[in-house]
C-alpha atoms as a PDB file:
ATOM      1  CA  MET A   1      12.157  -1.163   0.157  1.00  0.00           C
ATOM      2  CA  ALA A   2      15.801  -0.353   0.581  1.00  0.00           C
ATOM      3  CA  GLY A   3      18.254  -2.987   1.698  1.00  0.00           C
ATOM      4  CA  ASP A   4      20.243  -0.410   3.667  1.00  0.00           C
ATOM      5  CA  LEU A   5      17.624   0.517   6.276  1.00  0.00           C
ATOM      6  CA  ASP A   6      19.279   0.527   9.678  1.00  0.00           C
ATOM      7  CA  ASP A   7      17.490   0.761  13.034  1.00  0.00           C
ATOM      8  CA  GLY A   8      17.904   4.544  13.086  1.00  0.00           C
ATOM      9  CA  MET A   9      16.165   4.874   9.726  1.00  0.00           C
ATOM     10  CA  LEU A  10      13.438   2.427  10.733  1.00  0.00           C
ATOM     11  CA  ASP A  11      12.620   4.562  13.764  1.00  0.00           C
ATOM     12  CA  ALA A  12      12.444   7.793  11.716  1.00  0.00           C
ATOM     13  CA  ALA A  13       9.137   9.400  10.730  1.00  0.00           C
ATOM     14  CA  GLY A  14       7.628   7.351   7.912  1.00  0.00           C
ATOM     15  CA  GLY A  15       6.037   9.944   5.669  1.00  0.00           C
ATOM     16  CA  CYS A  16       2.543   9.017   6.943  1.00  0.00           C
ATOM     17  CA  ASP A  17       1.220  10.909   9.937  1.00  0.00           C
ATOM     18  CA  GLY A  18       2.161   9.080  13.110  1.00  0.00           C
ATOM     19  CA  TRP A  19       4.024   6.238  11.381  1.00  0.00           C
ATOM     20  CA  THR A  20       7.690   5.375  11.530  1.00  0.00           C
ATOM     21  CA  VAL A  21       9.500   3.875   8.560  1.00  0.00           C
ATOM     22  CA  ARG A  22       9.176   0.510  10.369  1.00  0.00           C
ATOM     23  CA  ASP A  23       5.381   1.012  10.584  1.00  0.00           C
ATOM     24  CA  LEU A  24       5.232   1.935   6.897  1.00  0.00           C
ATOM     25  CA  VAL A  25       7.343  -1.020   5.752  1.00  0.00           C
ATOM     26  CA  ASN A  26       5.351  -3.422   7.944  1.00  0.00           C
ATOM     27  CA  HIS A  27       2.082  -2.023   6.554  1.00  0.00           C
ATOM     28  CA  VAL A  28       3.235  -2.473   2.952  1.00  0.00           C
ATOM     29  CA  ILE A  29       4.519  -5.998   3.541  1.00  0.00           C
ATOM     30  CA  GLY A  30       1.412  -6.887   5.549  1.00  0.00           C
ATOM     31  CA  GLY A  31      -0.837  -5.599   2.775  1.00  0.00           C
ATOM     32  CA  ALA A  32       0.449  -8.302   0.457  1.00  0.00           C
ATOM     33  CA  GLU A  33      -0.122 -10.962   3.092  1.00  0.00           C
ATOM     34  CA  ARG A  34      -3.628  -9.707   3.896  1.00  0.00           C
ATOM     35  CA  TYR A  35      -4.644  -9.545   0.234  1.00  0.00           C
ATOM     36  CA  ALA A  36      -3.313 -13.069  -0.383  1.00  0.00           C
ATOM     37  CA  LEU A  37      -5.333 -14.322   2.591  1.00  0.00           C
ATOM     38  CA  LEU A  38      -8.480 -12.594   1.309  1.00  0.00           C
ATOM     39  CA  LEU A  39      -8.051 -14.012  -2.173  1.00  0.00           C
ATOM     40  CA  ASP A  40      -7.622 -17.456  -0.623  1.00  0.00           C
ATOM     41  CA  GLY A  41     -10.978 -17.078   1.171  1.00  0.00           C
ATOM     42  CA  ALA A  42     -10.069 -15.632   4.573  1.00  0.00           C
ATOM     43  CA  ASP A  43     -12.365 -13.113   6.202  1.00  0.00           C
ATOM     44  CA  ALA A  44     -11.585  -9.619   7.502  1.00  0.00           C
ATOM     45  CA  ALA A  45     -11.156 -10.956  11.043  1.00  0.00           C
ATOM     46  CA  ALA A  46      -8.392 -13.317   9.918  1.00  0.00           C
ATOM     47  CA  THR A  47      -6.579 -10.501   8.170  1.00  0.00           C
ATOM     48  CA  ALA A  48      -6.946  -8.245  11.213  1.00  0.00           C
ATOM     49  CA  ALA A  49      -4.740 -10.703  13.092  1.00  0.00           C
ATOM     50  CA  THR A  50      -1.844  -9.711  10.806  1.00  0.00           C
ATOM     51  CA  ARG A  51      -2.096  -6.015  11.647  1.00  0.00           C
ATOM     52  CA  GLY A  52       0.614  -4.926  14.021  1.00  0.00           C
ATOM     53  CA  ARG A  53       2.853  -7.832  12.981  1.00  0.00           C
ATOM     54  CA  ASP A  54       6.536  -6.880  12.807  1.00  0.00           C
ATOM     55  CA  TYR A  55       7.622  -8.424   9.531  1.00  0.00           C
ATOM     56  CA  LEU A  56      11.060  -6.898   9.985  1.00  0.00           C
ATOM     57  CA  ALA A  57      11.578  -9.052  13.078  1.00  0.00           C
ATOM     58  CA  ARG A  58      11.029 -12.176  10.966  1.00  0.00           C
ATOM     59  CA  GLU A  59      14.076 -14.376  10.464  1.00  0.00           C
ATOM     60  CA  GLY A  60      15.901 -13.346   7.298  1.00  0.00           C
ATOM     61  CA  ALA A  61      14.515  -9.811   7.405  1.00  0.00           C
ATOM     62  CA  GLY A  62      17.869  -8.257   8.264  1.00  0.00           C
ATOM     63  CA  ASP A  63      18.089  -6.891   4.710  1.00  0.00           C
ATOM     64  CA  GLY A  64      15.631  -4.101   5.459  1.00  0.00           C
ATOM     65  CA  GLY A  65      12.724  -6.432   4.768  1.00  0.00           C
ATOM     66  CA  VAL A  66      13.344  -6.890   1.053  1.00  0.00           C
ATOM     67  CA  ASP A  67      13.191 -10.692   1.136  1.00  0.00           C
ATOM     68  CA  VAL A  68      10.125 -10.709   3.389  1.00  0.00           C
ATOM     69  CA  PHE A  69       8.452  -8.132   1.121  1.00  0.00           C
ATOM     70  CA  TRP A  70       9.058 -10.285  -1.961  1.00  0.00           C
ATOM     71  CA  ASP A  71       7.947 -13.467  -0.186  1.00  0.00           C
ATOM     72  CA  CYS A  72       4.600 -11.879   0.728  1.00  0.00           C
ATOM     73  CA  GLU A  73       4.274 -10.088  -2.612  1.00  0.00           C
ATOM     74  CA  HIS A  74       4.823 -13.336  -4.554  1.00  0.00           C
ATOM     75  CA  ARG A  75       2.189 -15.080  -2.413  1.00  0.00           C
ATOM     76  CA  PHE A  76      -0.259 -12.268  -3.192  1.00  0.00           C
ATOM     77  CA  ARG A  77       0.460 -12.439  -6.924  1.00  0.00           C
ATOM     78  CA  GLU A  78       0.062 -16.226  -6.947  1.00  0.00           C
ATOM     79  CA  ALA A  79      -3.246 -15.926  -5.076  1.00  0.00           C
ATOM     80  CA  ALA A  80      -4.414 -13.275  -7.562  1.00  0.00           C
ATOM     81  CA  GLU A  81      -3.595 -15.563 -10.486  1.00  0.00           C
ATOM     82  CA  ARG A  82      -5.608 -18.507  -9.133  1.00  0.00           C
ATOM     83  CA  ALA A  83      -8.536 -16.561  -7.622  1.00  0.00           C
ATOM     84  CA  ASP A  84     -11.813 -15.826  -9.336  1.00  0.00           C
ATOM     85  CA  PRO A  85     -11.486 -12.068  -9.962  1.00  0.00           C
ATOM     86  CA  ASN A  86     -15.268 -11.633  -9.604  1.00  0.00           C
ATOM     87  CA  ALA A  87     -15.584 -13.482  -6.297  1.00  0.00           C
ATOM     88  CA  LEU A  88     -16.267 -11.119  -3.417  1.00  0.00           C
ATOM     89  CA  VAL A  89     -13.679 -10.873  -0.656  1.00  0.00           C
ATOM     90  CA  ASP A  90     -14.263  -9.660   2.883  1.00  0.00           C
ATOM     91  CA  HIS A  91     -12.026  -6.574   2.921  1.00  0.00           C
ATOM     92  CA  VAL A  92     -12.037  -4.508   6.117  1.00  0.00           C
ATOM     93  CA  ALA A  93     -13.527  -1.575   4.159  1.00  0.00           C
ATOM     94  CA  GLY A  94     -16.329  -3.716   2.750  1.00  0.00           C
ATOM     95  CA  ARG A  95     -16.915  -6.640   0.411  1.00  0.00           C
ATOM     96  CA  ARG A  96     -15.469  -6.153  -3.036  1.00  0.00           C
ATOM     97  CA  PRO A  97     -14.446  -8.279  -6.028  1.00  0.00           C
ATOM     98  CA  GLY A  98     -11.039  -9.908  -5.754  1.00  0.00           C
ATOM     99  CA  ALA A  99      -9.901  -8.028  -8.850  1.00  0.00           C
ATOM    100  CA  ALA A 100     -10.240  -4.799  -6.861  1.00  0.00           C
ATOM    101  CA  LEU A 101      -7.442  -5.988  -4.577  1.00  0.00           C
ATOM    102  CA  THR A 102      -4.963  -5.887  -7.455  1.00  0.00           C
ATOM    103  CA  VAL A 103      -5.977  -2.314  -8.217  1.00  0.00           C
ATOM    104  CA  MET A 104      -5.758  -1.452  -4.528  1.00  0.00           C
ATOM    105  CA  ARG A 105      -2.320  -3.047  -4.275  1.00  0.00           C
ATOM    106  CA  VAL A 106      -0.906  -0.983  -7.140  1.00  0.00           C
ATOM    107  CA  MET A 107      -2.449   2.142  -5.619  1.00  0.00           C
ATOM    108  CA  GLU A 108      -1.059   1.281  -2.175  1.00  0.00           C
ATOM    109  CA  LEU A 109       2.443   0.609  -3.482  1.00  0.00           C
ATOM    110  CA  THR A 110       2.405   3.833  -5.489  1.00  0.00           C
ATOM    111  CA  LEU A 111       1.201   6.050  -2.641  1.00  0.00           C
ATOM    112  CA  HIS A 112       3.373   4.432   0.007  1.00  0.00           C
ATOM    113  CA  SER A 113       6.449   4.661  -2.224  1.00  0.00           C
ATOM    114  CA  ARG A 114       5.967   8.398  -1.856  1.00  0.00           C
ATOM    115  CA  ASP A 115       5.806   8.068   1.933  1.00  0.00           C
ATOM    116  CA  LEU A 116       9.041   6.104   1.972  1.00  0.00           C
ATOM    117  CA  ALA A 117      10.714   8.611  -0.357  1.00  0.00           C
ATOM    118  CA  VAL A 118       9.698  11.455   1.983  1.00  0.00           C
ATOM    119  CA  ALA A 119      11.008   9.536   4.987  1.00  0.00           C
ATOM    120  CA  LEU A 120      14.337   8.858   3.296  1.00  0.00           C
ATOM    121  CA  GLY A 121      14.642  12.357   1.828  1.00  0.00           C
ATOM    122  CA  THR A 122      14.700  11.149  -1.771  1.00  0.00           C
ATOM    123  CA  PRO A 123      12.731  12.531  -4.731  1.00  0.00           C
ATOM    124  CA  TRP A 124       9.479  10.848  -5.711  1.00  0.00           C
ATOM    125  CA  SER A 125       8.578  11.071  -9.373  1.00  0.00           C
ATOM    126  CA  PRO A 126       6.188   8.321 -10.403  1.00  0.00           C
ATOM    127  CA  PRO A 127       5.911   7.824 -14.162  1.00  0.00           C
ATOM    128  CA  THR A 128       2.984   9.629 -15.759  1.00  0.00           C
ATOM    129  CA  ALA A 129       1.712   6.339 -17.198  1.00  0.00           C
ATOM    130  CA  LEU A 130       1.578   4.813 -13.690  1.00  0.00           C
ATOM    131  CA  VAL A 131      -0.237   7.817 -12.237  1.00  0.00           C
ATOM    132  CA  ASP A 132      -2.707   7.852 -15.134  1.00  0.00           C
ATOM    133  CA  ALA A 133      -3.335   4.117 -14.695  1.00  0.00           C
ATOM    134  CA  VAL A 134      -3.859   4.437 -10.939  1.00  0.00           C
ATOM    135  CA  LEU A 135      -6.193   7.404 -11.399  1.00  0.00           C
ATOM    136  CA  ALA A 136      -8.156   5.584 -14.115  1.00  0.00           C
ATOM    137  CA  GLU A 137      -8.354   2.209 -12.394  1.00  0.00           C
ATOM    138  CA  ALA A 138      -8.442   3.190  -8.723  1.00  0.00           C
ATOM    139  CA  ALA A 139     -10.590   6.335  -8.749  1.00  0.00           C
ATOM    140  CA  ASP A 140     -13.750   4.425  -7.813  1.00  0.00           C
ATOM    141  CA  VAL A 141     -11.886   2.441  -5.159  1.00  0.00           C
ATOM    142  CA  ILE A 142     -10.395   5.611  -3.659  1.00  0.00           C
ATOM    143  CA  ASP A 143     -13.862   7.187  -3.613  1.00  0.00           C
ATOM    144  CA  GLU A 144     -15.277   4.093  -1.859  1.00  0.00           C
ATOM    145  CA  LEU A 145     -12.429   4.118   0.653  1.00  0.00           C
ATOM    146  CA  ARG A 146     -12.857   7.876   1.109  1.00  0.00           C
ATOM    147  CA  ALA A 147     -16.527   7.300   1.997  1.00  0.00           C
ATOM    148  CA  ALA A 148     -15.401   4.688   4.553  1.00  0.00           C
ATOM    149  CA  GLY A 149     -12.963   7.182   6.108  1.00  0.00           C
ATOM    150  CA  TYR A 150      -9.700   5.753   4.744  1.00  0.00           C
ATOM    151  CA  PHE A 151      -8.907   8.779   2.561  1.00  0.00           C
ATOM    152  CA  GLY A 152      -9.447  12.464   3.138  1.00  0.00           C
ATOM    153  CA  PRO A 153     -11.366  14.684   0.727  1.00  0.00           C
ATOM    154  CA  ALA A 154      -9.826  15.265  -2.676  1.00  0.00           C
ATOM    155  CA  LEU A 155      -7.702  18.409  -2.831  1.00  0.00           C
ATOM    156  CA  ASP A 156      -6.640  20.775  -5.566  1.00  0.00           C
ATOM    157  CA  PRO A 157      -3.216  19.682  -6.871  1.00  0.00           C
ATOM    158  CA  VAL A 158      -0.353  22.038  -6.003  1.00  0.00           C
ATOM    159  CA  SER A 159       1.040  21.623  -9.537  1.00  0.00           C
ATOM    160  CA  ASP A 160       0.471  19.805 -12.823  1.00  0.00           C
ATOM    161  CA  ASP A 161       3.043  17.206 -11.797  1.00  0.00           C
ATOM    162  CA  PRO A 162       1.542  13.701 -12.164  1.00  0.00           C
ATOM    163  CA  GLY A 163       2.503  12.740  -8.614  1.00  0.00           C
ATOM    164  CA  ASP A 164       0.882  15.883  -7.229  1.00  0.00           C
ATOM    165  CA  ARG A 165      -2.321  15.095  -9.159  1.00  0.00           C
ATOM    166  CA  LEU A 166      -2.446  11.607  -7.640  1.00  0.00           C
ATOM    167  CA  LEU A 167      -1.678  12.819  -4.141  1.00  0.00           C
ATOM    168  CA  ALA A 168      -4.374  15.493  -4.365  1.00  0.00           C
ATOM    169  CA  PHE A 169      -6.986  13.000  -5.556  1.00  0.00           C
ATOM    170  CA  ALA A 170      -6.016  10.734  -2.654  1.00  0.00           C
ATOM    171  CA  GLY A 171      -6.521  13.640  -0.234  1.00  0.00           C
ATOM    172  CA  ARG A 172      -2.842  14.239   0.332  1.00  0.00           C
ATOM    173  CA  ARG A 173      -0.815  17.400  -0.038  1.00  0.00           C
ATOM    174  CA  GLY A 174       1.982  17.265  -2.613  1.00  0.00           C
ATOM    175  CA  ARG A 175       5.410  18.893  -2.578  1.00  0.00           C
END
């Protein structure tokens, strides 16, 4: 996240259809909280209660949400370290091993960094190694989520650019 997000930027289109930057930032922050809850044994209903939460309204979030993001992200990472990676968690898209949440988190951060870049009018050029890792590790997860309606059909990439390849596989149009 950027520490310089003002209210005007937060209300701008967020790079995801129908989302503002505020919606996008809240979704990304909330993802860390939801995954931490799941890894700690919560069910999908408990995580659903966090959807729609305005993390940017939280005390201390006046920095564009950076501190709140890192607070939730650290809780997720700590939960991932202590959880049994093979234990099934009750994700909204279906039960899956806890280790899949780490893969999903990297995928989510990578894809939504593109959405934020679009919203802020900045270039998005993920490193080839990151794209290759996400495509290798998250392909099955994306296919599962696609079958559940969370991703559109895979597209033909508009270029050989690594980011365009990832976006196309995720059912998104590049450039």
